[in-house]
């Protein structure tokens, strides 16, 4: 177990690590398993077999001194700089705006830069002298204390793993290319006829392009999506895009369906009304619980389902 010299409050990061094996020449030539699915209504990129890299998997603990206001990303950066430079994870802005550092914290998809260690540290249950877990002490687990009355584990343990539902590239880095390709296939841009309204003197008449406050608010609700993949990691149906396009792609599509300026609503609803699209959603709404920017993903997808049904009527 890697550890810093401890002098204050400590936390243990239990990281699920993965180191891939180099791809063999025959695997490169055939591009994946010959038994993998070869076609998808969401295009060639989505139809590529989901790569499940082979390699070494293990769990590694890092114990370090912390302050109560630090985030898990802060702790990982400390590990990277002072303990183990081989530890791999992804981040960019560090402020919850880019979504690049999504991972599973204690099994829950979230952003590492927004996860406070005091909110996520878990205390292991206490055990008796014979090694059995104590019962009847309430719901909150307790830590064993040393002879000096201190708690060796400090704040406790935080378990870290890559984002569920995606192939792992290395350690905490998940390959989200399939999600991004599915979003691209559903045309994530405004579609209009391109005709400019003009005034009598030949200038551009902006009035037809303006939105009411209500129309703007409806559109802006989904512009806060940062495409982090947390909703897909929480979805029990999504599994790398093989059977379900995923909530991230559907939310991106809903963004333009809700835009009063977009003129391709029918085509957008048609594109997602497939076995791998809206029909695969089971309305579990687990995606709503984990959204780091507070979008009610499940409700928005339900609204899409209602619009698809109205189109069919």
C-alpha atoms as a PDB file:
ATOM      1  CA  UNK A   1       0.000   0.000   0.000  1.00  0.00           C
ATOM      2  CA  UNK A   2       1.420   3.371  -1.001  1.00  0.00           C
ATOM      3  CA  UNK A   3       1.348   5.918   1.786  1.00  0.00           C
ATOM      4  CA  UNK A   4       2.462   9.425   2.644  1.00  0.00           C
ATOM      5  CA  UNK A   5       3.886  10.235   6.050  1.00  0.00           C
ATOM      6  CA  UNK A   6       0.803  10.862   8.146  1.00  0.00           C
ATOM      7  CA  UNK A   7       0.562  13.580  10.722  1.00  0.00           C
ATOM      8  CA  UNK A   8      -3.076  14.620  10.597  1.00  0.00           C
ATOM      9  CA  UNK A   9      -6.377  13.472   9.139  1.00  0.00           C
ATOM     10  CA  UNK A  10      -5.946  10.751   6.557  1.00  0.00           C
ATOM     11  CA  UNK A  11      -8.054   9.124   3.867  1.00  0.00           C
ATOM     12  CA  UNK A  12      -7.437   5.969   1.870  1.00  0.00           C
ATOM     13  CA  UNK A  13      -8.148   5.929  -1.858  1.00  0.00           C
ATOM     14  CA  UNK A  14      -8.820   2.373  -3.012  1.00  0.00           C
ATOM     15  CA  UNK A  15      -8.286   2.536  -6.757  1.00  0.00           C
ATOM     16  CA  UNK A  16      -9.309  -0.166  -9.227  1.00  0.00           C
ATOM     17  CA  UNK A  17      -6.388  -0.137 -11.615  1.00  0.00           C
ATOM     18  CA  UNK A  18      -6.009  -1.541 -15.111  1.00  0.00           C
ATOM     19  CA  UNK A  19      -2.983  -1.844 -17.357  1.00  0.00           C
ATOM     20  CA  UNK A  20      -3.780  -3.028 -20.916  1.00  0.00           C
ATOM     21  CA  UNK A  21      -1.771  -5.589 -22.780  1.00  0.00           C
ATOM     22  CA  UNK A  22      -0.347  -4.562 -26.161  1.00  0.00           C
ATOM     23  CA  UNK A  23      -2.720  -5.496 -28.982  1.00  0.00           C
ATOM     24  CA  UNK A  24      -1.666  -8.514 -30.983  1.00  0.00           C
ATOM     25  CA  UNK A  25      -1.199  -8.140 -34.723  1.00  0.00           C
ATOM     26  CA  UNK A  26      -4.117 -10.428 -35.566  1.00  0.00           C
ATOM     27  CA  UNK A  27      -6.417  -8.404 -33.282  1.00  0.00           C
ATOM     28  CA  UNK A  28      -5.418  -5.204 -35.064  1.00  0.00           C
ATOM     29  CA  UNK A  29      -6.084  -6.808 -38.433  1.00  0.00           C
ATOM     30  CA  UNK A  30      -9.603  -8.007 -37.675  1.00  0.00           C
ATOM     31  CA  UNK A  31     -10.560  -5.006 -35.493  1.00  0.00           C
ATOM     32  CA  UNK A  32     -12.139  -7.043 -32.704  1.00  0.00           C
ATOM     33  CA  UNK A  33     -14.135 -10.195 -32.162  1.00  0.00           C
ATOM     34  CA  UNK A  34     -15.558 -11.818 -35.334  1.00  0.00           C
ATOM     35  CA  UNK A  35     -18.698 -12.598 -33.328  1.00  0.00           C
ATOM     36  CA  UNK A  36     -19.357  -8.979 -32.357  1.00  0.00           C
ATOM     37  CA  UNK A  37     -22.360  -7.120 -33.672  1.00  0.00           C
ATOM     38  CA  UNK A  38     -21.675  -5.580 -37.082  1.00  0.00           C
ATOM     39  CA  UNK A  39     -24.582  -3.241 -37.754  1.00  0.00           C
ATOM     40  CA  UNK A  40     -26.398  -0.473 -35.927  1.00  0.00           C
ATOM     41  CA  UNK A  41     -29.035   2.122 -36.894  1.00  0.00           C
ATOM     42  CA  UNK A  42     -26.742   4.743 -35.396  1.00  0.00           C
ATOM     43  CA  UNK A  43     -24.047   4.491 -38.056  1.00  0.00           C
ATOM     44  CA  UNK A  44     -20.702   2.909 -38.750  1.00  0.00           C
ATOM     45  CA  UNK A  45     -18.920   4.307 -35.701  1.00  0.00           C
ATOM     46  CA  UNK A  46     -21.520   2.894 -33.352  1.00  0.00           C
ATOM     47  CA  UNK A  47     -21.429  -0.461 -35.150  1.00  0.00           C
ATOM     48  CA  UNK A  48     -17.760  -1.016 -34.415  1.00  0.00           C
ATOM     49  CA  UNK A  49     -17.354  -3.808 -31.864  1.00  0.00           C
ATOM     50  CA  UNK A  50     -16.974  -2.424 -28.346  1.00  0.00           C
ATOM     51  CA  UNK A  51     -13.382  -3.125 -27.429  1.00  0.00           C
ATOM     52  CA  UNK A  52     -12.850  -4.914 -24.143  1.00  0.00           C
ATOM     53  CA  UNK A  53      -9.095  -4.576 -23.663  1.00  0.00           C
ATOM     54  CA  UNK A  54      -7.229  -7.378 -22.023  1.00  0.00           C
ATOM     55  CA  UNK A  55      -4.734  -6.612 -19.341  1.00  0.00           C
ATOM     56  CA  UNK A  56      -3.796  -6.686 -15.699  1.00  0.00           C
ATOM     57  CA  UNK A  57      -6.388  -5.661 -13.119  1.00  0.00           C
ATOM     58  CA  UNK A  58      -5.677  -5.021  -9.461  1.00  0.00           C
ATOM     59  CA  UNK A  59      -6.715  -2.835  -6.534  1.00  0.00           C
ATOM     60  CA  UNK A  60      -4.263  -0.411  -4.952  1.00  0.00           C
ATOM     61  CA  UNK A  61      -4.621   1.648  -1.770  1.00  0.00           C
ATOM     62  CA  UNK A  62      -3.157   5.116  -1.319  1.00  0.00           C
ATOM     63  CA  UNK A  63      -3.278   6.695   2.135  1.00  0.00           C
ATOM     64  CA  UNK A  64      -2.503  10.394   2.451  1.00  0.00           C
ATOM     65  CA  UNK A  65      -2.991  13.433   4.652  1.00  0.00           C
ATOM     66  CA  UNK A  66      -5.950  15.564   3.656  1.00  0.00           C
ATOM     67  CA  UNK A  67      -7.898  18.672   4.522  1.00  0.00           C
ATOM     68  CA  UNK A  68     -11.645  18.486   4.946  1.00  0.00           C
ATOM     69  CA  UNK A  69     -12.363  20.767   2.000  1.00  0.00           C
ATOM     70  CA  UNK A  70     -10.318  18.806  -0.562  1.00  0.00           C
ATOM     71  CA  UNK A  71     -11.904  16.992  -3.476  1.00  0.00           C
ATOM     72  CA  UNK A  72     -11.102  13.501  -4.680  1.00  0.00           C
ATOM     73  CA  UNK A  73      -9.403  15.059  -7.718  1.00  0.00           C
ATOM     74  CA  UNK A  74      -7.144  17.029  -5.366  1.00  0.00           C
ATOM     75  CA  UNK A  75      -6.202  13.773  -3.652  1.00  0.00           C
ATOM     76  CA  UNK A  76      -5.505  11.997  -6.947  1.00  0.00           C
ATOM     77  CA  UNK A  77      -3.267  14.851  -8.074  1.00  0.00           C
ATOM     78  CA  UNK A  78      -1.347  14.550  -4.800  1.00  0.00           C
ATOM     79  CA  UNK A  79      -0.923  10.820  -5.386  1.00  0.00           C
ATOM     80  CA  UNK A  80       0.200  11.424  -8.960  1.00  0.00           C
ATOM     81  CA  UNK A  81       2.762  14.062  -7.974  1.00  0.00           C
ATOM     82  CA  UNK A  82       4.160  12.625  -4.753  1.00  0.00           C
ATOM     83  CA  UNK A  83       3.429   8.891  -4.503  1.00  0.00           C
ATOM     84  CA  UNK A  84       2.753   7.101  -7.788  1.00  0.00           C
ATOM     85  CA  UNK A  85       3.305   8.848 -11.148  1.00  0.00           C
ATOM     86  CA  UNK A  86       1.972   5.778 -12.978  1.00  0.00           C
ATOM     87  CA  UNK A  87      -1.602   6.326 -11.750  1.00  0.00           C
ATOM     88  CA  UNK A  88      -3.766   7.375 -14.704  1.00  0.00           C
ATOM     89  CA  UNK A  89      -6.935   9.487 -14.648  1.00  0.00           C
ATOM     90  CA  UNK A  90      -8.483  12.168 -16.843  1.00  0.00           C
ATOM     91  CA  UNK A  91      -9.314  15.778 -15.961  1.00  0.00           C
ATOM     92  CA  UNK A  92      -9.239  19.214 -17.556  1.00  0.00           C
ATOM     93  CA  UNK A  93     -10.859  22.276 -15.982  1.00  0.00           C
ATOM     94  CA  UNK A  94     -11.142  20.879 -12.460  1.00  0.00           C
ATOM     95  CA  UNK A  95     -14.297  22.923 -11.804  1.00  0.00           C
ATOM     96  CA  UNK A  96     -17.162  20.717 -13.008  1.00  0.00           C
ATOM     97  CA  UNK A  97     -17.485  22.435 -16.387  1.00  0.00           C
ATOM     98  CA  UNK A  98     -15.836  20.008 -18.821  1.00  0.00           C
ATOM     99  CA  UNK A  99     -17.049  16.655 -17.496  1.00  0.00           C
ATOM    100  CA  UNK A 100     -13.817  14.875 -18.416  1.00  0.00           C
ATOM    101  CA  UNK A 101     -13.115  13.463 -14.941  1.00  0.00           C
ATOM    102  CA  UNK A 102     -16.267  11.381 -14.499  1.00  0.00           C
ATOM    103  CA  UNK A 103     -15.625   8.134 -12.636  1.00  0.00           C
ATOM    104  CA  UNK A 104     -17.321   5.776 -10.199  1.00  0.00           C
ATOM    105  CA  UNK A 105     -16.910   6.840  -6.566  1.00  0.00           C
ATOM    106  CA  UNK A 106     -18.059   4.111  -4.182  1.00  0.00           C
ATOM    107  CA  UNK A 107     -19.929   2.689  -7.170  1.00  0.00           C
ATOM    108  CA  UNK A 108     -21.703   5.952  -8.044  1.00  0.00           C
ATOM    109  CA  UNK A 109     -20.880   7.848 -11.266  1.00  0.00           C
ATOM    110  CA  UNK A 110     -19.840  11.399 -10.423  1.00  0.00           C
ATOM    111  CA  UNK A 111     -17.265  14.103 -11.182  1.00  0.00           C
ATOM    112  CA  UNK A 112     -14.049  13.740  -9.215  1.00  0.00           C
ATOM    113  CA  UNK A 113     -13.549  17.510  -9.092  1.00  0.00           C
ATOM    114  CA  UNK A 114     -16.911  18.061  -7.356  1.00  0.00           C
ATOM    115  CA  UNK A 115     -16.720  15.120  -4.944  1.00  0.00           C
ATOM    116  CA  UNK A 116     -15.598  16.217  -1.469  1.00  0.00           C
ATOM    117  CA  UNK A 117     -13.655  13.612   0.459  1.00  0.00           C
ATOM    118  CA  UNK A 118     -15.714  14.245   3.599  1.00  0.00           C
ATOM    119  CA  UNK A 119     -18.885  13.377   1.679  1.00  0.00           C
ATOM    120  CA  UNK A 120     -17.586  10.129   0.210  1.00  0.00           C
ATOM    121  CA  UNK A 121     -15.250   8.591   2.798  1.00  0.00           C
ATOM    122  CA  UNK A 122     -16.681   5.340   4.173  1.00  0.00           C
ATOM    123  CA  UNK A 123     -15.910   3.944   7.599  1.00  0.00           C
ATOM    124  CA  UNK A 124     -15.527   0.153   7.567  1.00  0.00           C
ATOM    125  CA  UNK A 125     -17.628  -1.719  10.146  1.00  0.00           C
ATOM    126  CA  UNK A 126     -16.075  -2.643  13.465  1.00  0.00           C
ATOM    127  CA  UNK A 127     -15.373  -6.290  14.241  1.00  0.00           C
ATOM    128  CA  UNK A 128     -15.035  -8.221  17.484  1.00  0.00           C
ATOM    129  CA  UNK A 129     -11.994 -10.153  18.704  1.00  0.00           C
ATOM    130  CA  UNK A 130     -13.020 -13.215  16.709  1.00  0.00           C
ATOM    131  CA  UNK A 131     -13.297 -11.299  13.468  1.00  0.00           C
ATOM    132  CA  UNK A 132     -17.088 -11.063  13.293  1.00  0.00           C
ATOM    133  CA  UNK A 133     -18.861  -7.846  12.373  1.00  0.00           C
ATOM    134  CA  UNK A 134     -20.559  -6.170  15.318  1.00  0.00           C
ATOM    135  CA  UNK A 135     -24.349  -5.789  15.176  1.00  0.00           C
ATOM    136  CA  UNK A 136     -26.871  -3.794  17.137  1.00  0.00           C
ATOM    137  CA  UNK A 137     -24.778  -0.612  17.146  1.00  0.00           C
ATOM    138  CA  UNK A 138     -27.041   1.353  14.840  1.00  0.00           C
ATOM    139  CA  UNK A 139     -26.923   1.788  11.105  1.00  0.00           C
ATOM    140  CA  UNK A 140     -23.708   3.818  10.944  1.00  0.00           C
ATOM    141  CA  UNK A 141     -20.612   1.596  10.732  1.00  0.00           C
ATOM    142  CA  UNK A 142     -17.752   2.327  13.114  1.00  0.00           C
ATOM    143  CA  UNK A 143     -14.014   2.012  12.790  1.00  0.00           C
ATOM    144  CA  UNK A 144     -11.822   0.074  15.132  1.00  0.00           C
ATOM    145  CA  UNK A 145      -9.663   2.275  17.304  1.00  0.00           C
ATOM    146  CA  UNK A 146      -6.056   1.691  18.244  1.00  0.00           C
ATOM    147  CA  UNK A 147      -4.608   1.398  21.737  1.00  0.00           C
ATOM    148  CA  UNK A 148      -4.103   5.160  21.841  1.00  0.00           C
ATOM    149  CA  UNK A 149      -7.775   5.772  20.983  1.00  0.00           C
ATOM    150  CA  UNK A 150      -7.054   7.012  17.451  1.00  0.00           C
ATOM    151  CA  UNK A 151      -8.668   5.737  14.262  1.00  0.00           C
ATOM    152  CA  UNK A 152      -5.977   4.266  11.995  1.00  0.00           C
ATOM    153  CA  UNK A 153      -8.087   4.763   8.908  1.00  0.00           C
ATOM    154  CA  UNK A 154      -8.693   8.473   9.477  1.00  0.00           C
ATOM    155  CA  UNK A 155     -11.709   9.613   7.523  1.00  0.00           C
ATOM    156  CA  UNK A 156     -12.115   6.182   5.976  1.00  0.00           C
ATOM    157  CA  UNK A 157     -11.905   4.625   2.517  1.00  0.00           C
ATOM    158  CA  UNK A 158     -13.025   5.952  -0.867  1.00  0.00           C
ATOM    159  CA  UNK A 159     -13.293   3.356  -3.623  1.00  0.00           C
ATOM    160  CA  UNK A 160     -12.573   4.597  -7.139  1.00  0.00           C
ATOM    161  CA  UNK A 161     -13.230   2.819 -10.435  1.00  0.00           C
ATOM    162  CA  UNK A 162     -13.623   3.875 -14.078  1.00  0.00           C
ATOM    163  CA  UNK A 163     -17.020   5.004 -15.335  1.00  0.00           C
ATOM    164  CA  UNK A 164     -19.346   1.977 -15.698  1.00  0.00           C
ATOM    165  CA  UNK A 165     -20.743   1.033 -19.095  1.00  0.00           C
ATOM    166  CA  UNK A 166     -17.587   1.921 -21.049  1.00  0.00           C
ATOM    167  CA  UNK A 167     -14.425   0.029 -22.021  1.00  0.00           C
ATOM    168  CA  UNK A 168     -11.467   0.885 -19.786  1.00  0.00           C
ATOM    169  CA  UNK A 169      -8.388   2.406 -21.392  1.00  0.00           C
ATOM    170  CA  UNK A 170      -6.221   2.553 -18.285  1.00  0.00           C
ATOM    171  CA  UNK A 171      -6.877   2.851 -14.536  1.00  0.00           C
ATOM    172  CA  UNK A 172      -9.693   5.437 -14.139  1.00  0.00           C
ATOM    173  CA  UNK A 173      -9.799   6.433 -17.817  1.00  0.00           C
ATOM    174  CA  UNK A 174     -12.832   5.134 -19.716  1.00  0.00           C
ATOM    175  CA  UNK A 175     -13.187   5.162 -23.495  1.00  0.00           C
ATOM    176  CA  UNK A 176     -16.235   7.362 -24.200  1.00  0.00           C
ATOM    177  CA  UNK A 177     -15.736   7.538 -27.975  1.00  0.00           C
ATOM    178  CA  UNK A 178     -18.855   5.460 -28.671  1.00  0.00           C
ATOM    179  CA  UNK A 179     -21.019   7.929 -26.727  1.00  0.00           C
ATOM    180  CA  UNK A 180     -19.569  10.895 -28.599  1.00  0.00           C
ATOM    181  CA  UNK A 181     -20.000   9.191 -31.974  1.00  0.00           C
ATOM    182  CA  UNK A 182     -23.654   8.418 -31.226  1.00  0.00           C
ATOM    183  CA  UNK A 183     -24.261  12.056 -30.352  1.00  0.00           C
ATOM    184  CA  UNK A 184     -22.623  13.128 -33.629  1.00  0.00           C
ATOM    185  CA  UNK A 185     -24.733  10.689 -35.652  1.00  0.00           C
ATOM    186  CA  UNK A 186     -27.905  12.364 -34.350  1.00  0.00           C
ATOM    187  CA  UNK A 187     -26.833  15.742 -35.816  1.00  0.00           C
ATOM    188  CA  UNK A 188     -26.128  17.850 -32.708  1.00  0.00           C
ATOM    189  CA  UNK A 189     -26.577  21.199 -34.418  1.00  0.00           C
ATOM    190  CA  UNK A 190     -29.352  23.584 -35.356  1.00  0.00           C
ATOM    191  CA  UNK A 191     -31.107  22.646 -38.605  1.00  0.00           C
ATOM    192  CA  UNK A 192     -32.909  25.425 -40.492  1.00  0.00           C
ATOM    193  CA  UNK A 193     -33.619  26.210 -44.149  1.00  0.00           C
ATOM    194  CA  UNK A 194     -30.948  28.913 -44.193  1.00  0.00           C
ATOM    195  CA  UNK A 195     -33.241  31.610 -45.571  1.00  0.00           C
ATOM    196  CA  UNK A 196     -32.589  35.045 -44.118  1.00  0.00           C
ATOM    197  CA  UNK A 197     -35.548  37.323 -43.568  1.00  0.00           C
ATOM    198  CA  UNK A 198     -34.839  40.812 -44.873  1.00  0.00           C
ATOM    199  CA  UNK A 199     -36.310  44.246 -44.361  1.00  0.00           C
ATOM    200  CA  UNK A 200     -37.547  46.541 -47.130  1.00  0.00           C
ATOM    201  CA  UNK A 201     -34.197  48.291 -47.262  1.00  0.00           C
ATOM    202  CA  UNK A 202     -32.317  45.002 -47.694  1.00  0.00           C
ATOM    203  CA  UNK A 203     -31.103  44.561 -44.119  1.00  0.00           C
ATOM    204  CA  UNK A 204     -31.473  41.405 -42.044  1.00  0.00           C
ATOM    205  CA  UNK A 205     -34.796  41.203 -40.230  1.00  0.00           C
ATOM    206  CA  UNK A 206     -33.868  39.608 -36.901  1.00  0.00           C
ATOM    207  CA  UNK A 207     -37.424  39.483 -35.565  1.00  0.00           C
ATOM    208  CA  UNK A 208     -38.296  36.041 -37.011  1.00  0.00           C
ATOM    209  CA  UNK A 209     -35.192  34.602 -35.363  1.00  0.00           C
ATOM    210  CA  UNK A 210     -35.920  35.871 -31.871  1.00  0.00           C
ATOM    211  CA  UNK A 211     -37.287  33.633 -29.107  1.00  0.00           C
ATOM    212  CA  UNK A 212     -39.723  34.463 -26.368  1.00  0.00           C
ATOM    213  CA  UNK A 213     -38.415  34.098 -22.788  1.00  0.00           C
ATOM    214  CA  UNK A 214     -40.449  30.900 -22.467  1.00  0.00           C
ATOM    215  CA  UNK A 215     -38.947  29.419 -25.649  1.00  0.00           C
ATOM    216  CA  UNK A 216     -35.437  30.367 -24.563  1.00  0.00           C
ATOM    217  CA  UNK A 217     -35.912  28.867 -21.097  1.00  0.00           C
ATOM    218  CA  UNK A 218     -37.136  25.591 -22.591  1.00  0.00           C
ATOM    219  CA  UNK A 219     -34.064  25.404 -24.803  1.00  0.00           C
ATOM    220  CA  UNK A 220     -31.570  26.468 -22.137  1.00  0.00           C
ATOM    221  CA  UNK A 221     -32.552  23.707 -19.701  1.00  0.00           C
ATOM    222  CA  UNK A 222     -30.518  21.169 -21.659  1.00  0.00           C
ATOM    223  CA  UNK A 223     -27.642  23.402 -22.787  1.00  0.00           C
ATOM    224  CA  UNK A 224     -26.010  22.829 -19.395  1.00  0.00           C
ATOM    225  CA  UNK A 225     -25.250  19.194 -20.315  1.00  0.00           C
ATOM    226  CA  UNK A 226     -21.459  18.721 -20.228  1.00  0.00           C
ATOM    227  CA  UNK A 227     -21.468  15.248 -21.871  1.00  0.00           C
ATOM    228  CA  UNK A 228     -19.630  13.682 -18.948  1.00  0.00           C
ATOM    229  CA  UNK A 229     -21.285  10.263 -19.336  1.00  0.00           C
ATOM    230  CA  UNK A 230     -22.416  10.008 -15.697  1.00  0.00           C
ATOM    231  CA  UNK A 231     -26.010   9.380 -16.818  1.00  0.00           C
ATOM    232  CA  UNK A 232     -24.847   6.549 -19.063  1.00  0.00           C
ATOM    233  CA  UNK A 233     -22.715   5.054 -16.305  1.00  0.00           C
ATOM    234  CA  UNK A 234     -25.792   5.030 -14.044  1.00  0.00           C
ATOM    235  CA  UNK A 235     -28.144   3.597 -16.684  1.00  0.00           C
ATOM    236  CA  UNK A 236     -28.800  -0.147 -16.205  1.00  0.00           C
ATOM    237  CA  UNK A 237     -29.704  -0.507 -19.913  1.00  0.00           C
ATOM    238  CA  UNK A 238     -26.718   1.253 -21.465  1.00  0.00           C
ATOM    239  CA  UNK A 239     -23.717  -0.976 -22.092  1.00  0.00           C
ATOM    240  CA  UNK A 240     -21.332   0.765 -24.417  1.00  0.00           C
ATOM    241  CA  UNK A 241     -23.912   1.503 -27.098  1.00  0.00           C
ATOM    242  CA  UNK A 242     -24.552  -2.063 -28.272  1.00  0.00           C
ATOM    243  CA  UNK A 243     -28.241  -2.195 -27.307  1.00  0.00           C
ATOM    244  CA  UNK A 244     -29.159   1.381 -26.397  1.00  0.00           C
ATOM    245  CA  UNK A 245     -28.035   4.713 -27.802  1.00  0.00           C
ATOM    246  CA  UNK A 246     -27.929   6.041 -24.246  1.00  0.00           C
ATOM    247  CA  UNK A 247     -29.355   8.962 -22.283  1.00  0.00           C
ATOM    248  CA  UNK A 248     -26.567  11.392 -23.266  1.00  0.00           C
ATOM    249  CA  UNK A 249     -27.434  11.150 -26.965  1.00  0.00           C
ATOM    250  CA  UNK A 250     -31.163  11.398 -26.246  1.00  0.00           C
ATOM    251  CA  UNK A 251     -30.696  14.492 -24.074  1.00  0.00           C
ATOM    252  CA  UNK A 252     -28.645  16.114 -26.816  1.00  0.00           C
ATOM    253  CA  UNK A 253     -31.410  15.334 -29.300  1.00  0.00           C
ATOM    254  CA  UNK A 254     -34.046  16.735 -26.923  1.00  0.00           C
ATOM    255  CA  UNK A 255     -32.040  19.957 -26.738  1.00  0.00           C
ATOM    256  CA  UNK A 256     -32.796  20.664 -30.403  1.00  0.00           C
ATOM    257  CA  UNK A 257     -36.320  19.222 -30.346  1.00  0.00           C
ATOM    258  CA  UNK A 258     -37.030  21.844 -27.661  1.00  0.00           C
ATOM    259  CA  UNK A 259     -35.473  24.632 -29.739  1.00  0.00           C
ATOM    260  CA  UNK A 260     -38.187  26.683 -31.462  1.00  0.00           C
ATOM    261  CA  UNK A 261     -35.705  27.686 -34.187  1.00  0.00           C
ATOM    262  CA  UNK A 262     -34.946  24.105 -35.258  1.00  0.00           C
ATOM    263  CA  UNK A 263     -36.907  22.848 -38.275  1.00  0.00           C
ATOM    264  CA  UNK A 264     -36.090  19.139 -38.116  1.00  0.00           C
ATOM    265  CA  UNK A 265     -38.218  17.993 -35.183  1.00  0.00           C
ATOM    266  CA  UNK A 266     -39.981  15.251 -37.156  1.00  0.00           C
ATOM    267  CA  UNK A 267     -36.697  13.893 -38.508  1.00  0.00           C
ATOM    268  CA  UNK A 268     -35.112  13.954 -35.059  1.00  0.00           C
ATOM    269  CA  UNK A 269     -37.988  12.026 -33.502  1.00  0.00           C
ATOM    270  CA  UNK A 270     -37.891   9.589 -36.405  1.00  0.00           C
ATOM    271  CA  UNK A 271     -34.160   8.993 -35.869  1.00  0.00           C
ATOM    272  CA  UNK A 272     -34.561   7.968 -32.228  1.00  0.00           C
ATOM    273  CA  UNK A 273     -37.742   5.914 -32.673  1.00  0.00           C
ATOM    274  CA  UNK A 274     -35.832   2.646 -33.135  1.00  0.00           C
ATOM    275  CA  UNK A 275     -35.169  -0.550 -31.206  1.00  0.00           C
ATOM    276  CA  UNK A 276     -31.783   0.810 -30.143  1.00  0.00           C
ATOM    277  CA  UNK A 277     -33.184   4.279 -29.485  1.00  0.00           C
ATOM    278  CA  UNK A 278     -36.085   5.526 -27.405  1.00  0.00           C
ATOM    279  CA  UNK A 279     -37.757   2.101 -27.488  1.00  0.00           C
ATOM    280  CA  UNK A 280     -34.913   0.599 -25.424  1.00  0.00           C
ATOM    281  CA  UNK A 281     -35.360   3.043 -22.532  1.00  0.00           C
ATOM    282  CA  UNK A 282     -36.957   1.318 -19.538  1.00  0.00           C
ATOM    283  CA  UNK A 283     -37.740   4.605 -17.698  1.00  0.00           C
ATOM    284  CA  UNK A 284     -35.745   3.548 -14.649  1.00  0.00           C
ATOM    285  CA  UNK A 285     -34.633   7.186 -14.216  1.00  0.00           C
ATOM    286  CA  UNK A 286     -31.344   6.263 -12.593  1.00  0.00           C
ATOM    287  CA  UNK A 287     -29.817   8.755 -15.036  1.00  0.00           C
ATOM    288  CA  UNK A 288     -31.512  11.652 -13.232  1.00  0.00           C
ATOM    289  CA  UNK A 289     -29.996  10.859  -9.853  1.00  0.00           C
ATOM    290  CA  UNK A 290     -26.394  11.146 -10.976  1.00  0.00           C
ATOM    291  CA  UNK A 291     -26.437  14.185 -13.306  1.00  0.00           C
ATOM    292  CA  UNK A 292     -23.780  16.574 -11.883  1.00  0.00           C
ATOM    293  CA  UNK A 293     -25.460  19.652 -13.386  1.00  0.00           C
ATOM    294  CA  UNK A 294     -28.937  18.802 -12.113  1.00  0.00           C
ATOM    295  CA  UNK A 295     -30.733  17.912 -15.347  1.00  0.00           C
ATOM    296  CA  UNK A 296     -33.746  15.657 -14.772  1.00  0.00           C
ATOM    297  CA  UNK A 297     -32.583  13.322 -17.529  1.00  0.00           C
ATOM    298  CA  UNK A 298     -35.303  10.736 -16.981  1.00  0.00           C
ATOM    299  CA  UNK A 299     -38.078  13.329 -17.210  1.00  0.00           C
ATOM    300  CA  UNK A 300     -36.639  14.829 -20.393  1.00  0.00           C
ATOM    301  CA  UNK A 301     -36.443  11.382 -22.012  1.00  0.00           C
ATOM    302  CA  UNK A 302     -40.021  10.703 -20.911  1.00  0.00           C
ATOM    303  CA  UNK A 303     -41.068  13.905 -22.680  1.00  0.00           C
ATOM    304  CA  UNK A 304     -39.301  12.644 -25.810  1.00  0.00           C
ATOM    305  CA  UNK A 305     -41.216   9.365 -25.562  1.00  0.00           C
ATOM    306  CA  UNK A 306     -44.495  11.314 -25.360  1.00  0.00           C
ATOM    307  CA  UNK A 307     -43.562  13.363 -28.432  1.00  0.00           C
ATOM    308  CA  UNK A 308     -42.675  10.227 -30.382  1.00  0.00           C
ATOM    309  CA  UNK A 309     -46.074   8.739 -29.537  1.00  0.00           C
ATOM    310  CA  UNK A 310     -47.830  11.951 -30.575  1.00  0.00           C
ATOM    311  CA  UNK A 311     -46.019  11.820 -33.898  1.00  0.00           C
ATOM    312  CA  UNK A 312     -47.257   8.279 -34.486  1.00  0.00           C
ATOM    313  CA  UNK A 313     -50.860   9.156 -33.667  1.00  0.00           C
END
